[in-house]
Amino acid sequence: MFNRLMLLFSLIAIIVILAMINLTTPTSVGSLGVLVFFTMIYIVIFGVVNLLVAGFYRIMGKKNRSKKERYIAATIAFAPVMLLLIQSFGVLNLATIGATIAVVFMGCFIINRSL
């Protein structure tokens, strides 16, 4: 049920993103619009990663891990948003990409150990 609902939210978020890209500019939409844009990006990526993580757990043969799957998907989905934000500041380089990967890896490790 959650995966289907998340898929619906992801499709709605894609429509909102496409509308924002085609109808507005970053200066005309303001800071709240930029926040909505990044939130919609996160929702789309979370929906895709959630399906991938659930599929991975099914392939591995583990069941009843939906809470853990969602936490891991939320952690992984935040990485592209972090990279977009870093790119908007103009400091995206190999070190920041490595730091982002390290933060996501540590987050997934902590989630795996605690749940």
PDB file of N, CA and C in Angstrom:
ATOM      1  N   MET A   1       0.817  -1.194   0.000  1.00  0.00           N
ATOM      2  CA  MET A   1       0.000   0.000   0.000  1.00  0.00           C
ATOM      3  C   MET A   1       0.863   1.261   0.000  1.00  0.00           C
ATOM      4  N   PHE A   2       1.893   1.272   0.852  1.00  0.00           N
ATOM      5  CA  PHE A   2       2.760   2.440   0.928  1.00  0.00           C
ATOM      6  C   PHE A   2       3.499   2.660  -0.387  1.00  0.00           C
ATOM      7  N   ASN A   3       3.959   1.566  -1.013  1.00  0.00           N
ATOM      8  CA  ASN A   3       4.688   1.706  -2.265  1.00  0.00           C
ATOM      9  C   ASN A   3       3.801   2.282  -3.363  1.00  0.00           C
ATOM     10  N   ARG A   4       2.533   1.869  -3.414  1.00  0.00           N
ATOM     11  CA  ARG A   4       1.619   2.409  -4.420  1.00  0.00           C
ATOM     12  C   ARG A   4       1.325   3.881  -4.158  1.00  0.00           C
ATOM     13  N   LEU A   5       1.149   4.224  -2.908  1.00  0.00           N
ATOM     14  CA  LEU A   5       0.900   5.617  -2.547  1.00  0.00           C
ATOM     15  C   LEU A   5       2.121   6.481  -2.862  1.00  0.00           C
ATOM     16  N   MET A   6       3.298   5.952  -2.584  1.00  0.00           N
ATOM     17  CA  MET A   6       4.519   6.685  -2.882  1.00  0.00           C
ATOM     18  C   MET A   6       4.706   6.847  -4.382  1.00  0.00           C
ATOM     19  N   LEU A   7       4.319   5.859  -5.159  1.00  0.00           N
ATOM     20  CA  LEU A   7       4.386   5.963  -6.608  1.00  0.00           C
ATOM     21  C   LEU A   7       3.446   7.059  -7.105  1.00  0.00           C
ATOM     22  N   LEU A   8       2.252   7.146  -6.541  1.00  0.00           N
ATOM     23  CA  LEU A   8       1.302   8.201  -6.906  1.00  0.00           C
ATOM     24  C   LEU A   8       1.864   9.577  -6.550  1.00  0.00           C
ATOM     25  N   PHE A   9       2.432   9.719  -5.356  1.00  0.00           N
ATOM     26  CA  PHE A   9       3.035  10.990  -4.962  1.00  0.00           C
ATOM     27  C   PHE A   9       4.200  11.362  -5.877  1.00  0.00           C
ATOM     28  N   SER A  10       4.976  10.362  -6.295  1.00  0.00           N
ATOM     29  CA  SER A  10       6.095  10.625  -7.195  1.00  0.00           C
ATOM     30  C   SER A  10       5.608  11.122  -8.548  1.00  0.00           C
ATOM     31  N   LEU A  11       4.547  10.528  -9.052  1.00  0.00           N
ATOM     32  CA  LEU A  11       4.008  10.984 -10.335  1.00  0.00           C
ATOM     33  C   LEU A  11       3.459  12.402 -10.238  1.00  0.00           C
ATOM     34  N   ILE A  12       2.780  12.713  -9.152  1.00  0.00           N
ATOM     35  CA  ILE A  12       2.281  14.079  -8.939  1.00  0.00           C
ATOM     36  C   ILE A  12       3.453  15.058  -8.827  1.00  0.00           C
ATOM     37  N   ALA A  13       4.513  14.642  -8.138  1.00  0.00           N
ATOM     38  CA  ALA A  13       5.690  15.504  -7.987  1.00  0.00           C
ATOM     39  C   ALA A  13       6.370  15.744  -9.329  1.00  0.00           C
ATOM     40  N   ILE A  14       6.402  14.739 -10.198  1.00  0.00           N
ATOM     41  CA  ILE A  14       6.986  14.922 -11.534  1.00  0.00           C
ATOM     42  C   ILE A  14       6.180  15.953 -12.321  1.00  0.00           C
ATOM     43  N   ILE A  15       4.864  15.882 -12.217  1.00  0.00           N
ATOM     44  CA  ILE A  15       4.015  16.850 -12.912  1.00  0.00           C
ATOM     45  C   ILE A  15       4.260  18.263 -12.387  1.00  0.00           C
ATOM     46  N   VAL A  16       4.387  18.399 -11.069  1.00  0.00           N
ATOM     47  CA  VAL A  16       4.653  19.716 -10.476  1.00  0.00           C
ATOM     48  C   VAL A  16       6.016  20.240 -10.914  1.00  0.00           C
ATOM     49  N   ILE A  17       7.023  19.372 -10.947  1.00  0.00           N
ATOM     50  CA  ILE A  17       8.362  19.785 -11.381  1.00  0.00           C
ATOM     51  C   ILE A  17       8.330  20.253 -12.830  1.00  0.00           C
ATOM     52  N   LEU A  18       7.690  19.485 -13.700  1.00  0.00           N
ATOM     53  CA  LEU A  18       7.615  19.879 -15.109  1.00  0.00           C
ATOM     54  C   LEU A  18       6.868  21.193 -15.279  1.00  0.00           C
ATOM     55  N   ALA A  19       5.802  21.389 -14.520  1.00  0.00           N
ATOM     56  CA  ALA A  19       5.070  22.653 -14.589  1.00  0.00           C
ATOM     57  C   ALA A  19       5.937  23.813 -14.117  1.00  0.00           C
ATOM     58  N   MET A  20       6.685  23.600 -13.038  1.00  0.00           N
ATOM     59  CA  MET A  20       7.540  24.669 -12.522  1.00  0.00           C
ATOM     60  C   MET A  20       8.652  25.010 -13.508  1.00  0.00           C
ATOM     61  N   ILE A  21       9.227  23.999 -14.133  1.00  0.00           N
ATOM     62  CA  ILE A  21      10.314  24.242 -15.075  1.00  0.00           C
ATOM     63  C   ILE A  21       9.817  24.999 -16.297  1.00  0.00           C
ATOM     64  N   ASN A  22       8.625  24.652 -16.774  1.00  0.00           N
ATOM     65  CA  ASN A  22       8.116  25.267 -18.003  1.00  0.00           C
ATOM     66  C   ASN A  22       7.426  26.602 -17.781  1.00  0.00           C
ATOM     67  N   LEU A  23       6.898  26.872 -16.605  1.00  0.00           N
ATOM     68  CA  LEU A  23       6.088  28.066 -16.411  1.00  0.00           C
ATOM     69  C   LEU A  23       6.750  29.165 -15.592  1.00  0.00           C
ATOM     70  N   THR A  24       7.818  28.865 -14.874  1.00  0.00           N
ATOM     71  CA  THR A  24       8.420  29.869 -13.999  1.00  0.00           C
ATOM     72  C   THR A  24       9.926  29.920 -14.171  1.00  0.00           C
ATOM     73  N   THR A  25      10.512  30.939 -13.564  1.00  0.00           N
ATOM     74  CA  THR A  25      11.969  31.050 -13.455  1.00  0.00           C
ATOM     75  C   THR A  25      12.314  31.090 -11.966  1.00  0.00           C
ATOM     76  N   PRO A  26      13.547  30.779 -11.610  1.00  0.00           N
ATOM     77  CA  PRO A  26      13.904  30.804 -10.184  1.00  0.00           C
ATOM     78  C   PRO A  26      13.732  32.180  -9.539  1.00  0.00           C
ATOM     79  N   THR A  27      13.934  33.244 -10.291  1.00  0.00           N
ATOM     80  CA  THR A  27      13.781  34.575  -9.705  1.00  0.00           C
ATOM     81  C   THR A  27      12.312  34.947  -9.534  1.00  0.00           C
ATOM     82  N   SER A  28      11.462  34.470 -10.434  1.00  0.00           N
ATOM     83  CA  SER A  28      10.049  34.840 -10.318  1.00  0.00           C
ATOM     84  C   SER A  28       9.309  33.996  -9.287  1.00  0.00           C
ATOM     85  N   VAL A  29       9.789  32.786  -9.039  1.00  0.00           N
ATOM     86  CA  VAL A  29       9.083  31.898  -8.118  1.00  0.00           C
ATOM     87  C   VAL A  29       9.445  32.192  -6.664  1.00  0.00           C
ATOM     88  N   GLY A  30      10.602  32.739  -6.421  1.00  0.00           N
ATOM     89  CA  GLY A  30      11.002  33.111  -5.066  1.00  0.00           C
ATOM     90  C   GLY A  30      11.564  31.945  -4.275  1.00  0.00           C
ATOM     91  N   SER A  31      11.867  32.219  -3.022  1.00  0.00           N
ATOM     92  CA  SER A  31      12.514  31.212  -2.183  1.00  0.00           C
ATOM     93  C   SER A  31      11.568  30.067  -1.819  1.00  0.00           C
ATOM     94  N   LEU A  32      10.294  30.359  -1.641  1.00  0.00           N
ATOM     95  CA  LEU A  32       9.337  29.291  -1.339  1.00  0.00           C
ATOM     96  C   LEU A  32       9.188  28.341  -2.528  1.00  0.00           C
ATOM     97  N   GLY A  33       9.210  28.867  -3.718  1.00  0.00           N
ATOM     98  CA  GLY A  33       9.139  28.031  -4.914  1.00  0.00           C
ATOM     99  C   GLY A  33      10.361  27.140  -5.062  1.00  0.00           C
ATOM    100  N   VAL A  34      11.528  27.666  -4.720  1.00  0.00           N
ATOM    101  CA  VAL A  34      12.751  26.860  -4.766  1.00  0.00           C
ATOM    102  C   VAL A  34      12.665  25.726  -3.743  1.00  0.00           C
ATOM    103  N   LEU A  35      12.132  26.028  -2.560  1.00  0.00           N
ATOM    104  CA  LEU A  35      11.934  24.998  -1.544  1.00  0.00           C
ATOM    105  C   LEU A  35      10.973  23.922  -2.040  1.00  0.00           C
ATOM    106  N   VAL A  36       9.887  24.338  -2.680  1.00  0.00           N
ATOM    107  CA  VAL A  36       8.929  23.374  -3.234  1.00  0.00           C
ATOM    108  C   VAL A  36       9.598  22.526  -4.310  1.00  0.00           C
ATOM    109  N   PHE A  37      10.421  23.148  -5.148  1.00  0.00           N
ATOM    110  CA  PHE A  37      11.124  22.415  -6.200  1.00  0.00           C
ATOM    111  C   PHE A  37      12.026  21.334  -5.614  1.00  0.00           C
ATOM    112  N   PHE A  38      12.847  21.700  -4.628  1.00  0.00           N
ATOM    113  CA  PHE A  38      13.742  20.715  -4.031  1.00  0.00           C
ATOM    114  C   PHE A  38      12.964  19.624  -3.288  1.00  0.00           C
ATOM    115  N   THR A  39      11.846  19.982  -2.679  1.00  0.00           N
ATOM    116  CA  THR A  39      11.006  18.986  -2.009  1.00  0.00           C
ATOM    117  C   THR A  39      10.416  18.011  -3.012  1.00  0.00           C
ATOM    118  N   MET A  40       9.972  18.511  -4.146  1.00  0.00           N
ATOM    119  CA  MET A  40       9.417  17.635  -5.183  1.00  0.00           C
ATOM    120  C   MET A  40      10.498  16.712  -5.759  1.00  0.00           C
ATOM    121  N   ILE A  41      11.701  17.239  -5.927  1.00  0.00           N
ATOM    122  CA  ILE A  41      12.818  16.400  -6.376  1.00  0.00           C
ATOM    123  C   ILE A  41      13.048  15.272  -5.375  1.00  0.00           C
ATOM    124  N   TYR A  42      13.044  15.608  -4.082  1.00  0.00           N
ATOM    125  CA  TYR A  42      13.243  14.595  -3.050  1.00  0.00           C
ATOM    126  C   TYR A  42      12.138  13.543  -3.087  1.00  0.00           C
ATOM    127  N   ILE A  43      10.893  13.955  -3.263  1.00  0.00           N
ATOM    128  CA  ILE A  43       9.777  13.001  -3.292  1.00  0.00           C
ATOM    129  C   ILE A  43       9.911  12.051  -4.467  1.00  0.00           C
ATOM    130  N   VAL A  44      10.294  12.563  -5.624  1.00  0.00           N
ATOM    131  CA  VAL A  44      10.466  11.704  -6.803  1.00  0.00           C
ATOM    132  C   VAL A  44      11.587  10.694  -6.566  1.00  0.00           C
ATOM    133  N   ILE A  45      12.711  11.175  -6.084  1.00  0.00           N
ATOM    134  CA  ILE A  45      13.848  10.284  -5.856  1.00  0.00           C
ATOM    135  C   ILE A  45      13.536   9.283  -4.754  1.00  0.00           C
ATOM    136  N   PHE A  46      12.841   9.714  -3.709  1.00  0.00           N
ATOM    137  CA  PHE A  46      12.460   8.800  -2.631  1.00  0.00           C
ATOM    138  C   PHE A  46      11.547   7.693  -3.157  1.00  0.00           C
ATOM    139  N   GLY A  47      10.607   8.028  -4.023  1.00  0.00           N
ATOM    140  CA  GLY A  47       9.718   7.017  -4.585  1.00  0.00           C
ATOM    141  C   GLY A  47      10.478   5.976  -5.394  1.00  0.00           C
ATOM    142  N   VAL A  48      11.413   6.428  -6.213  1.00  0.00           N
ATOM    143  CA  VAL A  48      12.196   5.505  -7.038  1.00  0.00           C
ATOM    144  C   VAL A  48      13.113   4.650  -6.163  1.00  0.00           C
ATOM    145  N   VAL A  49      13.803   5.281  -5.232  1.00  0.00           N
ATOM    146  CA  VAL A  49      14.732   4.543  -4.369  1.00  0.00           C
ATOM    147  C   VAL A  49      13.974   3.578  -3.462  1.00  0.00           C
ATOM    148  N   ASN A  50      12.798   3.967  -3.016  1.00  0.00           N
ATOM    149  CA  ASN A  50      11.990   3.085  -2.179  1.00  0.00           C
ATOM    150  C   ASN A  50      11.641   1.796  -2.925  1.00  0.00           C
ATOM    151  N   LEU A  51      11.247   1.925  -4.191  1.00  0.00           N
ATOM    152  CA  LEU A  51      10.955   0.733  -4.988  1.00  0.00           C
ATOM    153  C   LEU A  51      12.205  -0.121  -5.215  1.00  0.00           C
ATOM    154  N   LEU A  52      13.338   0.543  -5.453  1.00  0.00           N
ATOM    155  CA  LEU A  52      14.581  -0.206  -5.663  1.00  0.00           C
ATOM    156  C   LEU A  52      15.031  -0.950  -4.401  1.00  0.00           C
ATOM    157  N   VAL A  53      14.940  -0.289  -3.258  1.00  0.00           N
ATOM    158  CA  VAL A  53      15.337  -0.925  -1.998  1.00  0.00           C
ATOM    159  C   VAL A  53      14.401  -2.085  -1.665  1.00  0.00           C
ATOM    160  N   ALA A  54      13.082  -1.883  -1.870  1.00  0.00           N
ATOM    161  CA  ALA A  54      12.128  -2.970  -1.617  1.00  0.00           C
ATOM    162  C   ALA A  54      12.396  -4.156  -2.534  1.00  0.00           C
ATOM    163  N   GLY A  55      12.707  -3.879  -3.789  1.00  0.00           N
ATOM    164  CA  GLY A  55      13.050  -4.957  -4.716  1.00  0.00           C
ATOM    165  C   GLY A  55      14.327  -5.663  -4.308  1.00  0.00           C
ATOM    166  N   PHE A  56      15.318  -4.904  -3.847  1.00  0.00           N
ATOM    167  CA  PHE A  56      16.572  -5.508  -3.404  1.00  0.00           C
ATOM    168  C   PHE A  56      16.344  -6.427  -2.211  1.00  0.00           C
ATOM    169  N   TYR A  57      15.520  -5.970  -1.252  1.00  0.00           N
ATOM    170  CA  TYR A  57      15.244  -6.808  -0.086  1.00  0.00           C
ATOM    171  C   TYR A  57      14.461  -8.065  -0.471  1.00  0.00           C
ATOM    172  N   ARG A  58      13.572  -7.946  -1.462  1.00  0.00           N
ATOM    173  CA  ARG A  58      12.840  -9.143  -1.914  1.00  0.00           C
ATOM    174  C   ARG A  58      13.765 -10.130  -2.588  1.00  0.00           C
ATOM    175  N   ILE A  59      14.705  -9.617  -3.380  1.00  0.00           N
ATOM    176  CA  ILE A  59      15.670 -10.499  -4.040  1.00  0.00           C
ATOM    177  C   ILE A  59      16.544 -11.192  -3.003  1.00  0.00           C
ATOM    178  N   MET A  60      16.910 -10.476  -1.947  1.00  0.00           N
ATOM    179  CA  MET A  60      17.747 -11.068  -0.900  1.00  0.00           C
ATOM    180  C   MET A  60      16.962 -12.050  -0.032  1.00  0.00           C
ATOM    181  N   GLY A  61      15.635 -12.047  -0.133  1.00  0.00           N
ATOM    182  CA  GLY A  61      14.818 -12.996   0.611  1.00  0.00           C
ATOM    183  C   GLY A  61      14.420 -12.532   1.998  1.00  0.00           C
ATOM    184  N   LYS A  62      14.632 -11.265   2.308  1.00  0.00           N
ATOM    185  CA  LYS A  62      14.260 -10.744   3.621  1.00  0.00           C
ATOM    186  C   LYS A  62      12.857 -10.171   3.534  1.00  0.00           C
ATOM    187  N   LYS A  63      12.053 -10.447   4.575  1.00  0.00           N
ATOM    188  CA  LYS A  63      10.673  -9.967   4.574  1.00  0.00           C
ATOM    189  C   LYS A  63      10.381  -9.190   5.846  1.00  0.00           C
ATOM    190  N   ASN A  64       9.264  -8.462   5.831  1.00  0.00           N
ATOM    191  CA  ASN A  64       8.799  -7.674   6.973  1.00  0.00           C
ATOM    192  C   ASN A  64       9.839  -6.653   7.432  1.00  0.00           C
ATOM    193  N   ARG A  65      10.463  -5.998   6.509  1.00  0.00           N
ATOM    194  CA  ARG A  65      11.457  -4.966   6.824  1.00  0.00           C
ATOM    195  C   ARG A  65      11.029  -3.611   6.267  1.00  0.00           C
ATOM    196  N   SER A  66       9.734  -3.362   6.174  1.00  0.00           N
ATOM    197  CA  SER A  66       9.273  -2.156   5.494  1.00  0.00           C
ATOM    198  C   SER A  66       9.754  -0.882   6.187  1.00  0.00           C
ATOM    199  N   LYS A  67       9.801  -0.845   7.518  1.00  0.00           N
ATOM    200  CA  LYS A  67      10.261   0.342   8.231  1.00  0.00           C
ATOM    201  C   LYS A  67      11.742   0.603   7.933  1.00  0.00           C
ATOM    202  N   LYS A  68      12.527  -0.436   7.964  1.00  0.00           N
ATOM    203  CA  LYS A  68      13.947  -0.315   7.684  1.00  0.00           C
ATOM    204  C   LYS A  68      14.177   0.098   6.228  1.00  0.00           C
ATOM    205  N   GLU A  69      13.388  -0.475   5.322  1.00  0.00           N
ATOM    206  CA  GLU A  69      13.499  -0.124   3.905  1.00  0.00           C
ATOM    207  C   GLU A  69      13.217   1.358   3.689  1.00  0.00           C
ATOM    208  N   ARG A  70      12.200   1.870   4.343  1.00  0.00           N
ATOM    209  CA  ARG A  70      11.844   3.284   4.175  1.00  0.00           C
ATOM    210  C   ARG A  70      12.930   4.207   4.715  1.00  0.00           C
ATOM    211  N   TYR A  71      13.509   3.863   5.850  1.00  0.00           N
ATOM    212  CA  TYR A  71      14.575   4.692   6.410  1.00  0.00           C
ATOM    213  C   TYR A  71      15.800   4.701   5.498  1.00  0.00           C
ATOM    214  N   ILE A  72      16.157   3.538   4.978  1.00  0.00           N
ATOM    215  CA  ILE A  72      17.307   3.465   4.080  1.00  0.00           C
ATOM    216  C   ILE A  72      17.020   4.233   2.794  1.00  0.00           C
ATOM    217  N   ALA A  73      15.808   4.092   2.253  1.00  0.00           N
ATOM    218  CA  ALA A  73      15.447   4.814   1.037  1.00  0.00           C
ATOM    219  C   ALA A  73      15.468   6.321   1.272  1.00  0.00           C
ATOM    220  N   ALA A  74      15.004   6.760   2.429  1.00  0.00           N
ATOM    221  CA  ALA A  74      15.009   8.195   2.738  1.00  0.00           C
ATOM    222  C   ALA A  74      16.434   8.729   2.839  1.00  0.00           C
ATOM    223  N   THR A  75      17.327   7.929   3.398  1.00  0.00           N
ATOM    224  CA  THR A  75      18.724   8.348   3.520  1.00  0.00           C
ATOM    225  C   THR A  75      19.393   8.430   2.158  1.00  0.00           C
ATOM    226  N   ILE A  76      19.184   7.419   1.331  1.00  0.00           N
ATOM    227  CA  ILE A  76      19.797   7.407   0.003  1.00  0.00           C
ATOM    228  C   ILE A  76      19.209   8.498  -0.878  1.00  0.00           C
ATOM    229  N   ALA A  77      17.912   8.749  -0.759  1.00  0.00           N
ATOM    230  CA  ALA A  77      17.260   9.748  -1.607  1.00  0.00           C
ATOM    231  C   ALA A  77      17.717  11.166  -1.289  1.00  0.00           C
ATOM    232  N   PHE A  78      18.246  11.390  -0.119  1.00  0.00           N
ATOM    233  CA  PHE A  78      18.699  12.728   0.231  1.00  0.00           C
ATOM    234  C   PHE A  78      20.026  13.085  -0.435  1.00  0.00           C
ATOM    235  N   ALA A  79      20.788  12.096  -0.888  1.00  0.00           N
ATOM    236  CA  ALA A  79      22.096  12.356  -1.498  1.00  0.00           C
ATOM    237  C   ALA A  79      22.002  13.210  -2.767  1.00  0.00           C
ATOM    238  N   PRO A  80      21.133  12.900  -3.731  1.00  0.00           N
ATOM    239  CA  PRO A  80      21.058  13.769  -4.912  1.00  0.00           C
ATOM    240  C   PRO A  80      20.597  15.189  -4.588  1.00  0.00           C
ATOM    241  N   VAL A  81      19.733  15.334  -3.603  1.00  0.00           N
ATOM    242  CA  VAL A  81      19.294  16.675  -3.207  1.00  0.00           C
ATOM    243  C   VAL A  81      20.465  17.437  -2.597  1.00  0.00           C
ATOM    244  N   MET A  82      21.275  16.761  -1.779  1.00  0.00           N
ATOM    245  CA  MET A  82      22.463  17.411  -1.217  1.00  0.00           C
ATOM    246  C   MET A  82      23.415  17.839  -2.331  1.00  0.00           C
ATOM    247  N   LEU A  83      23.594  16.972  -3.330  1.00  0.00           N
ATOM    248  CA  LEU A  83      24.494  17.312  -4.428  1.00  0.00           C
ATOM    249  C   LEU A  83      23.947  18.482  -5.254  1.00  0.00           C
ATOM    250  N   LEU A  84      22.634  18.544  -5.448  1.00  0.00           N
ATOM    251  CA  LEU A  84      22.042  19.699  -6.149  1.00  0.00           C
ATOM    252  C   LEU A  84      22.250  20.990  -5.368  1.00  0.00           C
ATOM    253  N   LEU A  85      22.082  20.919  -4.053  1.00  0.00           N
ATOM    254  CA  LEU A  85      22.297  22.105  -3.232  1.00  0.00           C
ATOM    255  C   LEU A  85      23.758  22.542  -3.249  1.00  0.00           C
ATOM    256  N   ILE A  86      24.661  21.585  -3.192  1.00  0.00           N
ATOM    257  CA  ILE A  86      26.090  21.910  -3.252  1.00  0.00           C
ATOM    258  C   ILE A  86      26.434  22.521  -4.609  1.00  0.00           C
ATOM    259  N   GLN A  87      25.842  21.980  -5.678  1.00  0.00           N
ATOM    260  CA  GLN A  87      26.068  22.523  -7.015  1.00  0.00           C
ATOM    261  C   GLN A  87      25.549  23.948  -7.129  1.00  0.00           C
ATOM    262  N   SER A  88      24.433  24.244  -6.461  1.00  0.00           N
ATOM    263  CA  SER A  88      23.884  25.601  -6.532  1.00  0.00           C
ATOM    264  C   SER A  88      24.802  26.616  -5.863  1.00  0.00           C
ATOM    265  N   PHE A  89      25.612  26.170  -4.898  1.00  0.00           N
ATOM    266  CA  PHE A  89      26.602  27.058  -4.295  1.00  0.00           C
ATOM    267  C   PHE A  89      27.873  27.141  -5.121  1.00  0.00           C
ATOM    268  N   GLY A  90      28.039  26.237  -6.076  1.00  0.00           N
ATOM    269  CA  GLY A  90      29.185  26.274  -6.968  1.00  0.00           C
ATOM    270  C   GLY A  90      30.437  25.642  -6.416  1.00  0.00           C
ATOM    271  N   VAL A  91      30.320  24.749  -5.448  1.00  0.00           N
ATOM    272  CA  VAL A  91      31.504  24.125  -4.871  1.00  0.00           C
ATOM    273  C   VAL A  91      31.500  22.609  -5.043  1.00  0.00           C
ATOM    274  N   LEU A  92      30.805  22.123  -6.060  1.00  0.00           N
ATOM    275  CA  LEU A  92      30.753  20.679  -6.299  1.00  0.00           C
ATOM    276  C   LEU A  92      32.073  20.226  -6.897  1.00  0.00           C
ATOM    277  N   ASN A  93      32.766  19.366  -6.177  1.00  0.00           N
ATOM    278  CA  ASN A  93      34.005  18.770  -6.666  1.00  0.00           C
ATOM    279  C   ASN A  93      34.087  17.342  -6.132  1.00  0.00           C
ATOM    280  N   LEU A  94      35.187  16.687  -6.374  1.00  0.00           N
ATOM    281  CA  LEU A  94      35.333  15.287  -5.972  1.00  0.00           C
ATOM    282  C   LEU A  94      35.265  15.123  -4.450  1.00  0.00           C
ATOM    283  N   ALA A  95      35.788  16.073  -3.718  1.00  0.00           N
ATOM    284  CA  ALA A  95      35.781  15.977  -2.252  1.00  0.00           C
ATOM    285  C   ALA A  95      34.356  16.054  -1.697  1.00  0.00           C
ATOM    286  N   THR A  96      33.537  16.949  -2.240  1.00  0.00           N
ATOM    287  CA  THR A  96      32.170  17.061  -1.736  1.00  0.00           C
ATOM    288  C   THR A  96      31.326  15.858  -2.139  1.00  0.00           C
ATOM    289  N   ILE A  97      31.588  15.311  -3.310  1.00  0.00           N
ATOM    290  CA  ILE A  97      30.886  14.089  -3.716  1.00  0.00           C
ATOM    291  C   ILE A  97      31.274  12.939  -2.786  1.00  0.00           C
ATOM    292  N   GLY A  98      32.560  12.830  -2.485  1.00  0.00           N
ATOM    293  CA  GLY A  98      33.018  11.796  -1.552  1.00  0.00           C
ATOM    294  C   GLY A  98      32.443  11.976  -0.160  1.00  0.00           C
ATOM    295  N   ALA A  99      32.366  13.213   0.301  1.00  0.00           N
ATOM    296  CA  ALA A  99      31.787  13.480   1.624  1.00  0.00           C
ATOM    297  C   ALA A  99      30.301  13.126   1.649  1.00  0.00           C
ATOM    298  N   THR A 100      29.586  13.424   0.578  1.00  0.00           N
ATOM    299  CA  THR A 100      28.163  13.083   0.494  1.00  0.00           C
ATOM    300  C   THR A 100      27.974  11.573   0.512  1.00  0.00           C
ATOM    301  N   ILE A 101      28.778  10.862  -0.242  1.00  0.00           N
ATOM    302  CA  ILE A 101      28.696   9.396  -0.261  1.00  0.00           C
ATOM    303  C   ILE A 101      29.015   8.834   1.116  1.00  0.00           C
ATOM    304  N   ALA A 102      30.008   9.413   1.792  1.00  0.00           N
ATOM    305  CA  ALA A 102      30.371   8.944   3.131  1.00  0.00           C
ATOM    306  C   ALA A 102      29.236   9.173   4.127  1.00  0.00           C
ATOM    307  N   VAL A 103      28.580  10.322   4.041  1.00  0.00           N
ATOM    308  CA  VAL A 103      27.467  10.611   4.955  1.00  0.00           C
ATOM    309  C   VAL A 103      26.312   9.644   4.718  1.00  0.00           C
ATOM    310  N   VAL A 104      26.000   9.379   3.457  1.00  0.00           N
ATOM    311  CA  VAL A 104      24.920   8.440   3.134  1.00  0.00           C
ATOM    312  C   VAL A 104      25.286   7.028   3.586  1.00  0.00           C
ATOM    313  N   PHE A 105      26.530   6.630   3.371  1.00  0.00           N
ATOM    314  CA  PHE A 105      26.975   5.307   3.794  1.00  0.00           C
ATOM    315  C   PHE A 105      26.888   5.166   5.314  1.00  0.00           C
ATOM    316  N   MET A 106      27.324   6.190   6.044  1.00  0.00           N
ATOM    317  CA  MET A 106      27.257   6.127   7.502  1.00  0.00           C
ATOM    318  C   MET A 106      25.808   6.089   7.985  1.00  0.00           C
ATOM    319  N   GLY A 107      24.944   6.852   7.335  1.00  0.00           N
ATOM    320  CA  GLY A 107      23.532   6.829   7.703  1.00  0.00           C
ATOM    321  C   GLY A 107      22.911   5.460   7.487  1.00  0.00           C
ATOM    322  N   CYS A 108      23.196   4.846   6.351  1.00  0.00           N
ATOM    323  CA  CYS A 108      22.674   3.495   6.082  1.00  0.00           C
ATOM    324  C   CYS A 108      23.255   2.480   7.050  1.00  0.00           C
ATOM    325  N   PHE A 109      24.526   2.637   7.399  1.00  0.00           N
ATOM    326  CA  PHE A 109      25.154   1.729   8.352  1.00  0.00           C
ATOM    327  C   PHE A 109      24.490   1.835   9.723  1.00  0.00           C
ATOM    328  N   ILE A 110      24.242   3.053  10.178  1.00  0.00           N
ATOM    329  CA  ILE A 110      23.598   3.248  11.477  1.00  0.00           C
ATOM    330  C   ILE A 110      22.180   2.685  11.476  1.00  0.00           C
ATOM    331  N   ILE A 111      21.450   2.895  10.393  1.00  0.00           N
ATOM    332  CA  ILE A 111      20.098   2.355  10.281  1.00  0.00           C
ATOM    333  C   ILE A 111      20.131   0.824  10.308  1.00  0.00           C
ATOM    334  N   ASN A 112      21.077   0.240   9.589  1.00  0.00           N
ATOM    335  CA  ASN A 112      21.198  -1.222   9.549  1.00  0.00           C
ATOM    336  C   ASN A 112      21.511  -1.799  10.923  1.00  0.00           C
ATOM    337  N   ARG A 113      22.354  -1.118  11.680  1.00  0.00           N
ATOM    338  CA  ARG A 113      22.751  -1.639  12.986  1.00  0.00           C
ATOM    339  C   ARG A 113      21.682  -1.424  14.054  1.00  0.00           C
ATOM    340  N   SER A 114      20.915  -0.359  13.935  1.00  0.00           N
ATOM    341  CA  SER A 114      19.966  -0.056  15.014  1.00  0.00           C
ATOM    342  C   SER A 114      18.608  -0.681  14.815  1.00  0.00           C
ATOM    343  N   LEU A 115      18.199  -0.986  13.599  1.00  0.00           N
ATOM    344  CA  LEU A 115      16.873  -1.585  13.400  1.00  0.00           C
ATOM    345  C   LEU A 115      16.989  -3.051  13.117  1.00  0.00           C
TER     346      LEU A 115
END
